[in-house]
PDB file of N, CA and C in Angstrom:
ATOM      1  N   MET A   1      42.699 156.111 -35.637  1.00  0.00           N
ATOM      2  CA  MET A   1      43.800 156.363 -36.550  1.00  0.00           C
ATOM      3  C   MET A   1      43.671 155.432 -37.755  1.00  0.00           C
ATOM      4  N   ALA A   2      43.881 155.975 -38.936  1.00  0.00           N
ATOM      5  CA  ALA A   2      43.856 155.185 -40.162  1.00  0.00           C
ATOM      6  C   ALA A   2      45.090 154.292 -40.216  1.00  0.00           C
ATOM      7  N   LYS A   3      44.944 153.171 -40.869  1.00  0.00           N
ATOM      8  CA  LYS A   3      46.063 152.241 -41.022  1.00  0.00           C
ATOM      9  C   LYS A   3      46.935 152.628 -42.203  1.00  0.00           C
ATOM     10  N   SER A   4      48.184 152.247 -42.122  1.00  0.00           N
ATOM     11  CA  SER A   4      49.059 152.285 -43.277  1.00  0.00           C
ATOM     12  C   SER A   4      48.709 151.082 -44.137  1.00  0.00           C
ATOM     13  N   VAL A   5      49.068 151.137 -45.420  1.00  0.00           N
ATOM     14  CA  VAL A   5      48.861 150.003 -46.315  1.00  0.00           C
ATOM     15  C   VAL A   5      50.215 149.638 -46.904  1.00  0.00           C
ATOM     16  N   PHE A   6      50.585 148.365 -46.746  1.00  0.00           N
ATOM     17  CA  PHE A   6      51.844 147.868 -47.263  1.00  0.00           C
ATOM     18  C   PHE A   6      51.551 146.971 -48.456  1.00  0.00           C
ATOM     19  N   TYR A   7      51.999 147.401 -49.641  1.00  0.00           N
ATOM     20  CA  TYR A   7      51.811 146.630 -50.863  1.00  0.00           C
ATOM     21  C   TYR A   7      53.097 145.880 -51.182  1.00  0.00           C
ATOM     22  N   HIS A   8      52.954 144.606 -51.559  1.00  0.00           N
ATOM     23  CA  HIS A   8      54.118 143.837 -51.970  1.00  0.00           C
ATOM     24  C   HIS A   8      53.707 142.764 -52.964  1.00  0.00           C
ATOM     25  N   ALA A   9      54.717 142.067 -53.517  1.00  0.00           N
ATOM     26  CA  ALA A   9      54.463 141.067 -54.540  1.00  0.00           C
ATOM     27  C   ALA A   9      54.912 139.672 -54.126  1.00  0.00           C
ATOM     28  N   GLY A  10      55.343 139.512 -52.892  1.00  0.00           N
ATOM     29  CA  GLY A  10      55.691 138.197 -52.389  1.00  0.00           C
ATOM     30  C   GLY A  10      57.129 137.759 -52.588  1.00  0.00           C
ATOM     31  N   CYS A  11      57.950 138.598 -53.192  1.00  0.00           N
ATOM     32  CA  CYS A  11      59.350 138.240 -53.397  1.00  0.00           C
ATOM     33  C   CYS A  11      60.099 138.295 -52.052  1.00  0.00           C
ATOM     34  N   PRO A  12      61.307 137.720 -51.982  1.00  0.00           N
ATOM     35  CA  PRO A  12      62.057 137.754 -50.726  1.00  0.00           C
ATOM     36  C   PRO A  12      62.293 139.163 -50.177  1.00  0.00           C
ATOM     37  N   VAL A  13      62.571 140.130 -51.060  1.00  0.00           N
ATOM     38  CA  VAL A  13      62.757 141.519 -50.615  1.00  0.00           C
ATOM     39  C   VAL A  13      61.479 142.024 -49.947  1.00  0.00           C
ATOM     40  N   CYS A  14      60.333 141.722 -50.567  1.00  0.00           N
ATOM     41  CA  CYS A  14      59.043 142.179 -50.050  1.00  0.00           C
ATOM     42  C   CYS A  14      58.697 141.523 -48.713  1.00  0.00           C
ATOM     43  N   ILE A  15      58.935 140.239 -48.605  1.00  0.00           N
ATOM     44  CA  ILE A  15      58.625 139.518 -47.373  1.00  0.00           C
ATOM     45  C   ILE A  15      59.482 140.032 -46.224  1.00  0.00           C
ATOM     46  N   SER A  16      60.742 140.272 -46.493  1.00  0.00           N
ATOM     47  CA  SER A  16      61.629 140.824 -45.472  1.00  0.00           C
ATOM     48  C   SER A  16      61.157 142.204 -45.025  1.00  0.00           C
ATOM     49  N   ALA A  17      60.800 143.046 -46.001  1.00  0.00           N
ATOM     50  CA  ALA A  17      60.305 144.390 -45.674  1.00  0.00           C
ATOM     51  C   ALA A  17      58.998 144.306 -44.897  1.00  0.00           C
ATOM     52  N   GLU A  18      58.108 143.374 -45.269  1.00  0.00           N
ATOM     53  CA  GLU A  18      56.843 143.199 -44.548  1.00  0.00           C
ATOM     54  C   GLU A  18      57.098 142.894 -43.079  1.00  0.00           C
ATOM     55  N   GLN A  19      58.011 141.970 -42.814  1.00  0.00           N
ATOM     56  CA  GLN A  19      58.328 141.610 -41.433  1.00  0.00           C
ATOM     57  C   GLN A  19      58.863 142.805 -40.653  1.00  0.00           C
ATOM     58  N   ASP A  20      59.723 143.590 -41.280  1.00  0.00           N
ATOM     59  CA  ASP A  20      60.278 144.770 -40.618  1.00  0.00           C
ATOM     60  C   ASP A  20      59.217 145.835 -40.365  1.00  0.00           C
ATOM     61  N   ILE A  21      58.341 146.062 -41.340  1.00  0.00           N
ATOM     62  CA  ILE A  21      57.276 147.062 -41.175  1.00  0.00           C
ATOM     63  C   ILE A  21      56.360 146.669 -40.022  1.00  0.00           C
ATOM     64  N   ILE A  22      55.969 145.405 -39.980  1.00  0.00           N
ATOM     65  CA  ILE A  22      55.098 144.942 -38.899  1.00  0.00           C
ATOM     66  C   ILE A  22      55.792 145.093 -37.551  1.00  0.00           C
ATOM     67  N   ALA A  23      57.081 144.770 -37.490  1.00  0.00           N
ATOM     68  CA  ALA A  23      57.834 144.923 -36.244  1.00  0.00           C
ATOM     69  C   ALA A  23      57.926 146.391 -35.821  1.00  0.00           C
ATOM     70  N   LEU A  24      58.048 147.286 -36.802  1.00  0.00           N
ATOM     71  CA  LEU A  24      58.188 148.716 -36.496  1.00  0.00           C
ATOM     72  C   LEU A  24      56.885 149.388 -36.084  1.00  0.00           C
ATOM     73  N   ILE A  25      55.810 149.129 -36.824  1.00  0.00           N
ATOM     74  CA  ILE A  25      54.581 149.880 -36.556  1.00  0.00           C
ATOM     75  C   ILE A  25      53.452 149.042 -35.984  1.00  0.00           C
ATOM     76  N   GLY A  26      53.642 147.732 -35.943  1.00  0.00           N
ATOM     77  CA  GLY A  26      52.647 146.866 -35.332  1.00  0.00           C
ATOM     78  C   GLY A  26      51.631 146.347 -36.326  1.00  0.00           C
ATOM     79  N   GLU A  27      51.286 145.086 -36.158  1.00  0.00           N
ATOM     80  CA  GLU A  27      50.364 144.407 -37.072  1.00  0.00           C
ATOM     81  C   GLU A  27      48.992 145.071 -37.123  1.00  0.00           C
ATOM     82  N   ASP A  28      48.560 145.656 -36.019  1.00  0.00           N
ATOM     83  CA  ASP A  28      47.244 146.300 -35.977  1.00  0.00           C
ATOM     84  C   ASP A  28      47.209 147.638 -36.710  1.00  0.00           C
ATOM     85  N   ASN A  29      48.389 148.158 -37.062  1.00  0.00           N
ATOM     86  CA  ASN A  29      48.468 149.482 -37.683  1.00  0.00           C
ATOM     87  C   ASN A  29      48.750 149.450 -39.177  1.00  0.00           C
ATOM     88  N   VAL A  30      48.790 148.246 -39.750  1.00  0.00           N
ATOM     89  CA  VAL A  30      49.109 148.136 -41.178  1.00  0.00           C
ATOM     90  C   VAL A  30      48.252 147.054 -41.832  1.00  0.00           C
ATOM     91  N   GLU A  31      47.747 147.380 -43.011  1.00  0.00           N
ATOM     92  CA  GLU A  31      47.067 146.403 -43.845  1.00  0.00           C
ATOM     93  C   GLU A  31      48.083 145.915 -44.869  1.00  0.00           C
ATOM     94  N   VAL A  32      48.309 144.619 -44.918  1.00  0.00           N
ATOM     95  CA  VAL A  32      49.262 144.042 -45.852  1.00  0.00           C
ATOM     96  C   VAL A  32      48.500 143.535 -47.072  1.00  0.00           C
ATOM     97  N   VAL A  33      48.922 143.996 -48.256  1.00  0.00           N
ATOM     98  CA  VAL A  33      48.271 143.593 -49.501  1.00  0.00           C
ATOM     99  C   VAL A  33      49.305 142.941 -50.414  1.00  0.00           C
ATOM    100  N   HIS A  34      49.144 141.656 -50.650  1.00  0.00           N
ATOM    101  CA  HIS A  34      50.006 140.897 -51.562  1.00  0.00           C
ATOM    102  C   HIS A  34      49.375 141.028 -52.948  1.00  0.00           C
ATOM    103  N   LEU A  35      49.979 141.836 -53.804  1.00  0.00           N
ATOM    104  CA  LEU A  35      49.394 142.125 -55.112  1.00  0.00           C
ATOM    105  C   LEU A  35      49.399 140.919 -56.050  1.00  0.00           C
ATOM    106  N   GLY A  36      50.241 139.940 -55.789  1.00  0.00           N
ATOM    107  CA  GLY A  36      50.207 138.725 -56.580  1.00  0.00           C
ATOM    108  C   GLY A  36      48.951 137.912 -56.302  1.00  0.00           C
ATOM    109  N   ASP A  37      48.470 137.994 -55.062  1.00  0.00           N
ATOM    110  CA  ASP A  37      47.257 137.277 -54.667  1.00  0.00           C
ATOM    111  C   ASP A  37      46.001 138.132 -54.823  1.00  0.00           C
ATOM    112  N   ALA A  38      46.168 139.449 -54.806  1.00  0.00           N
ATOM    113  CA  ALA A  38      45.027 140.372 -54.871  1.00  0.00           C
ATOM    114  C   ALA A  38      45.207 141.317 -56.055  1.00  0.00           C
ATOM    115  N   LYS A  39      45.174 140.744 -57.265  1.00  0.00           N
ATOM    116  CA  LYS A  39      45.382 141.550 -58.477  1.00  0.00           C
ATOM    117  C   LYS A  39      44.355 142.680 -58.587  1.00  0.00           C
ATOM    118  N   ASP A  40      43.184 142.501 -57.992  1.00  0.00           N
ATOM    119  CA  ASP A  40      42.151 143.541 -58.034  1.00  0.00           C
ATOM    120  C   ASP A  40      42.544 144.788 -57.241  1.00  0.00           C
ATOM    121  N   ARG A  41      43.599 144.708 -56.452  1.00  0.00           N
ATOM    122  CA  ARG A  41      44.053 145.861 -55.664  1.00  0.00           C
ATOM    123  C   ARG A  41      45.178 146.640 -56.351  1.00  0.00           C
ATOM    124  N   ILE A  42      45.633 146.178 -57.527  1.00  0.00           N
ATOM    125  CA  ILE A  42      46.714 146.877 -58.228  1.00  0.00           C
ATOM    126  C   ILE A  42      46.297 148.303 -58.570  1.00  0.00           C
ATOM    127  N   ALA A  43      45.076 148.494 -59.017  1.00  0.00           N
ATOM    128  CA  ALA A  43      44.598 149.851 -59.344  1.00  0.00           C
ATOM    129  C   ALA A  43      44.624 150.740 -58.110  1.00  0.00           C
ATOM    130  N   ASP A  44      44.267 150.205 -56.950  1.00  0.00           N
ATOM    131  CA  ASP A  44      44.334 150.977 -55.699  1.00  0.00           C
ATOM    132  C   ASP A  44      45.762 151.448 -55.439  1.00  0.00           C
ATOM    133  N   ALA A  45      46.715 150.523 -55.627  1.00  0.00           N
ATOM    134  CA  ALA A  45      48.123 150.861 -55.406  1.00  0.00           C
ATOM    135  C   ALA A  45      48.578 151.948 -56.379  1.00  0.00           C
ATOM    136  N   GLU A  46      48.231 151.781 -57.652  1.00  0.00           N
ATOM    137  CA  GLU A  46      48.615 152.788 -58.650  1.00  0.00           C
ATOM    138  C   GLU A  46      47.990 154.135 -58.343  1.00  0.00           C
ATOM    139  N   ASN A  47      46.721 154.143 -57.980  1.00  0.00           N
ATOM    140  CA  ASN A  47      46.036 155.403 -57.662  1.00  0.00           C
ATOM    141  C   ASN A  47      46.643 156.096 -56.451  1.00  0.00           C
ATOM    142  N   ALA A  48      47.227 155.318 -55.552  1.00  0.00           N
ATOM    143  CA  ALA A  48      47.875 155.893 -54.370  1.00  0.00           C
ATOM    144  C   ALA A  48      49.273 156.417 -54.688  1.00  0.00           C
ATOM    145  N   GLY A  49      49.806 156.068 -55.880  1.00  0.00           N
ATOM    146  CA  GLY A  49      51.121 156.544 -56.281  1.00  0.00           C
ATOM    147  C   GLY A  49      52.223 155.515 -56.226  1.00  0.00           C
ATOM    148  N   VAL A  50      51.877 154.253 -56.018  1.00  0.00           N
ATOM    149  CA  VAL A  50      52.883 153.193 -55.958  1.00  0.00           C
ATOM    150  C   VAL A  50      53.460 152.969 -57.358  1.00  0.00           C
ATOM    151  N   LYS A  51      54.781 153.027 -57.445  1.00  0.00           N
ATOM    152  CA  LYS A  51      55.495 152.806 -58.707  1.00  0.00           C
ATOM    153  C   LYS A  51      56.253 151.479 -58.691  1.00  0.00           C
ATOM    154  N   SER A  52      56.588 151.012 -57.494  1.00  0.00           N
ATOM    155  CA  SER A  52      57.284 149.739 -57.329  1.00  0.00           C
ATOM    156  C   SER A  52      56.937 149.186 -55.955  1.00  0.00           C
ATOM    157  N   VAL A  53      57.146 147.894 -55.806  1.00  0.00           N
ATOM    158  CA  VAL A  53      56.917 147.261 -54.516  1.00  0.00           C
ATOM    159  C   VAL A  53      58.231 146.668 -54.022  1.00  0.00           C
ATOM    160  N   PRO A  54      58.395 146.606 -52.723  1.00  0.00           N
ATOM    161  CA  PRO A  54      57.456 146.932 -51.667  1.00  0.00           C
ATOM    162  C   PRO A  54      57.293 148.436 -51.479  1.00  0.00           C
ATOM    163  N   ALA A  55      56.092 148.814 -51.072  1.00  0.00           N
ATOM    164  CA  ALA A  55      55.794 150.219 -50.814  1.00  0.00           C
ATOM    165  C   ALA A  55      54.805 150.325 -49.655  1.00  0.00           C
ATOM    166  N   LEU A  56      54.965 151.365 -48.882  1.00  0.00           N
ATOM    167  CA  LEU A  56      54.087 151.627 -47.746  1.00  0.00           C
ATOM    168  C   LEU A  56      53.375 152.945 -47.979  1.00  0.00           C
ATOM    169  N   ILE A  57      52.051 152.920 -47.867  1.00  0.00           N
ATOM    170  CA  ILE A  57      51.258 154.143 -47.929  1.00  0.00           C
ATOM    171  C   ILE A  57      50.962 154.532 -46.485  1.00  0.00           C
ATOM    172  N   THR A  58      51.362 155.724 -46.089  1.00  0.00           N
ATOM    173  CA  THR A  58      51.129 156.172 -44.717  1.00  0.00           C
ATOM    174  C   THR A  58      49.673 156.633 -44.564  1.00  0.00           C
ATOM    175  N   PRO A  59      49.207 156.769 -43.328  1.00  0.00           N
ATOM    176  CA  PRO A  59      47.836 157.238 -43.126  1.00  0.00           C
ATOM    177  C   PRO A  59      47.557 158.619 -43.739  1.00  0.00           C
ATOM    178  N   THR A  60      48.598 159.417 -43.963  1.00  0.00           N
ATOM    179  CA  THR A  60      48.416 160.728 -44.577  1.00  0.00           C
ATOM    180  C   THR A  60      48.513 160.687 -46.099  1.00  0.00           C
ATOM    181  N   GLY A  61      48.746 159.478 -46.663  1.00  0.00           N
ATOM    182  CA  GLY A  61      48.783 159.327 -48.109  1.00  0.00           C
ATOM    183  C   GLY A  61      50.161 159.386 -48.737  1.00  0.00           C
ATOM    184  N   ASN A  62      51.206 159.534 -47.936  1.00  0.00           N
ATOM    185  CA  ASN A  62      52.560 159.529 -48.489  1.00  0.00           C
ATOM    186  C   ASN A  62      52.938 158.121 -48.928  1.00  0.00           C
ATOM    187  N   VAL A  63      53.647 158.026 -50.035  1.00  0.00           N
ATOM    188  CA  VAL A  63      54.107 156.738 -50.552  1.00  0.00           C
ATOM    189  C   VAL A  63      55.583 156.588 -50.213  1.00  0.00           C
ATOM    190  N   LEU A  64      55.900 155.526 -49.490  1.00  0.00           N
ATOM    191  CA  LEU A  64      57.286 155.235 -49.149  1.00  0.00           C
ATOM    192  C   LEU A  64      57.696 153.983 -49.908  1.00  0.00           C
ATOM    193  N   HIS A  65      58.509 154.170 -50.950  1.00  0.00           N
ATOM    194  CA  HIS A  65      59.011 153.024 -51.711  1.00  0.00           C
ATOM    195  C   HIS A  65      60.207 152.472 -50.952  1.00  0.00           C
ATOM    196  N   ILE A  66      60.136 151.182 -50.640  1.00  0.00           N
ATOM    197  CA  ILE A  66      61.131 150.545 -49.786  1.00  0.00           C
ATOM    198  C   ILE A  66      61.956 149.586 -50.620  1.00  0.00           C
ATOM    199  N   ASN A  67      63.283 149.816 -50.654  1.00  0.00           N
ATOM    200  CA  ASN A  67      64.163 148.959 -51.420  1.00  0.00           C
ATOM    201  C   ASN A  67      63.615 148.849 -52.838  1.00  0.00           C
ATOM    202  N   TYR A  68      63.768 147.734 -53.484  1.00  0.00           N
ATOM    203  CA  TYR A  68      63.182 147.544 -54.809  1.00  0.00           C
ATOM    204  C   TYR A  68      63.009 146.061 -55.049  1.00  0.00           C
ATOM    205  N   GLY A  69      61.771 145.660 -55.232  1.00  0.00           N
ATOM    206  CA  GLY A  69      61.466 144.265 -55.532  1.00  0.00           C
ATOM    207  C   GLY A  69      61.017 144.106 -56.961  1.00  0.00           C
ATOM    208  N   ALA A  70      60.016 144.917 -57.361  1.00  0.00           N
ATOM    209  CA  ALA A  70      59.475 144.843 -58.719  1.00  0.00           C
ATOM    210  C   ALA A  70      58.723 146.126 -59.029  1.00  0.00           C
ATOM    211  N   SER A  71      58.714 146.494 -60.309  1.00  0.00           N
ATOM    212  CA  SER A  71      57.921 147.646 -60.717  1.00  0.00           C
ATOM    213  C   SER A  71      56.447 147.250 -60.706  1.00  0.00           C
ATOM    214  N   ILE A  72      55.551 148.211 -60.638  1.00  0.00           N
ATOM    215  CA  ILE A  72      54.126 147.915 -60.656  1.00  0.00           C
ATOM    216  C   ILE A  72      53.745 147.271 -62.000  1.00  0.00           C
ATOM    217  N   ASP A  73      54.447 147.628 -63.076  1.00  0.00           N
ATOM    218  CA  ASP A  73      54.188 146.999 -64.383  1.00  0.00           C
ATOM    219  C   ASP A  73      54.544 145.512 -64.365  1.00  0.00           C
ATOM    220  N   GLU A  74      55.617 145.161 -63.667  1.00  0.00           N
ATOM    221  CA  GLU A  74      55.980 143.745 -63.554  1.00  0.00           C
ATOM    222  C   GLU A  74      54.935 142.972 -62.749  1.00  0.00           C
ATOM    223  N   VAL A  75      54.370 143.619 -61.744  1.00  0.00           N
ATOM    224  CA  VAL A  75      53.339 142.977 -60.926  1.00  0.00           C
ATOM    225  C   VAL A  75      52.085 142.738 -61.749  1.00  0.00           C
ATOM    226  N   LYS A  76      51.764 143.675 -62.644  1.00  0.00           N
ATOM    227  CA  LYS A  76      50.570 143.548 -63.488  1.00  0.00           C
ATOM    228  C   LYS A  76      50.682 142.407 -64.499  1.00  0.00           C
ATOM    229  N   ALA A  77      51.906 142.097 -64.900  1.00  0.00           N
ATOM    230  CA  ALA A  77      52.128 141.077 -65.942  1.00  0.00           C
ATOM    231  C   ALA A  77      51.780 139.668 -65.484  1.00  0.00           C
TER     232      ALA A  77
END
């Protein structure tokens, strides 16, 4: 099974969502990408359809925007 990918920017909203996602689907089933630390992955997030973080990409490619921490443009800045 393919992993989900959880993109975030490290803000309190994102960290809280990360903890909940891991609790819900398990650490082995999700790749966590901190876009503040991995700026080279921002294009991957945009190409997947991420408009704001935190966001979860499901194994089928659906984008689930969770709450609202920051727009992808704010992360790029």
